[in-house]
């Protein structure tokens, strides 16, 4: 897997990603402490609203950025987003009103909604070989999982020698280092898609292309199942472990670590697994396992008596493995379903639409556990995961070839769906998706 780091450009970008992730992890801890410092007992409500604002920014801003990212200098745009994020987190320690937190969080997450999908769309342009790109996806998944494990530990260590306000400085340093690494890297020049359509058509094009593609509709359904499982873990682990099982904060960390370890294990195994099995087989199998695991955990309850901690740890490990296996190959599907000019818009659409799934799953998992019981929360998220899995099985074609055989004899020379230089001497379809294209295989 590490062989992909031999590519200097990707190595720089991967290091930038790791540094920015660590900084973001520190900011997450610091933001919770800042909310408590300002709002006291209402800190939970403040953080909940901040998370909602984050989702709104992701869903609303990402499609706009995706529509125009290919027209901007890619490196300058990524650096600008990092600089904005660094400036915002430097301003956070100076706020003293809740509305100021909300405003800065919206700007911060809007910059992230611009940076992340553009960054993700850049990687397949650097790593043209699918095996290398698969390794990069697994490394990225490992980076996210390692951040979730190490950032709280690092934050706890730093808080023993400094005030929590200084954690924001660490985040700013992370974004600054990320900007410098991107600045020192030569990125492929984006291929701008020429269009004379208006703002609405441009900003919705990514979502329309995404939803017109059968395999990507399947990806979105699988993402709904993954959101159900991860929301159950993220939202309810503290309550389940401390209130239900009567264990301490260290047990909460260990339980979350079980989920993270499962995710990392799957990320390590996926490159070889995807050489033997199709993306559809791996992702739908993983979604099925998540659903079954949630159902099993719900059935382990005996009235108000929770299952043993060992059962929860095992369940979290299984959910982590299945979660990683269900979402990590998604980048391969996006790469396979787009031409270079449409890639930023398509990655932005995935970024926005996937967060709609989390916007559904987070309140469901939290409210079901708070209003009903933890068993009800397991059952509710299991139902949501089952809905996503069943939809994915139905709408994702069983036969899903990368290139669909058809004739382009009726298309004029120079049409964007014709690419010269194919080994056969003719032209091949490169999935420059057009909802009006007569050959597009809507199934």
Foldseek 3Di string as FASTA:
>chain_A
DCVLCVQVQVVLLLVLLLLLLLLVLLVVVLLLVLLCVQPPPCSVVLVVVLVVLLLCLLQPQLLLLLLCVLVDFLLVLLLVLLQLLLVLLLCVVVDRDSVSVSVSSNSNSNSVSNNVLSSLLQVCVSVVDPLSVLLVLLSSLLSNLVSVQVSVVVSVVVVVPDPSSCSSVSSSVSSNSSSVSSVPHDTDRFDADDDPDDSVCSSCVLVVLQVQALLSLLLLLLLLLLLLLVLLLPQCLVCCVCVQVVDDPVLSSLLLNLLSVLQSVLSVPPSVVCVPDPLLVQQLVLLVQSLVLLLVLLVCDDVSHHHDSVSSSVSSSSSSNSSNSNNSCPSVVLQLQADRNSSSSNSSSCSNSSSVSNVVNNCLLNVLCVVPNNSSSSVSSSVSSVRSSVVSVVRRDPDDDSFDDDDPPVPDPPPPQFDADDPVRGGTGRNNDDPPDPPPDRD
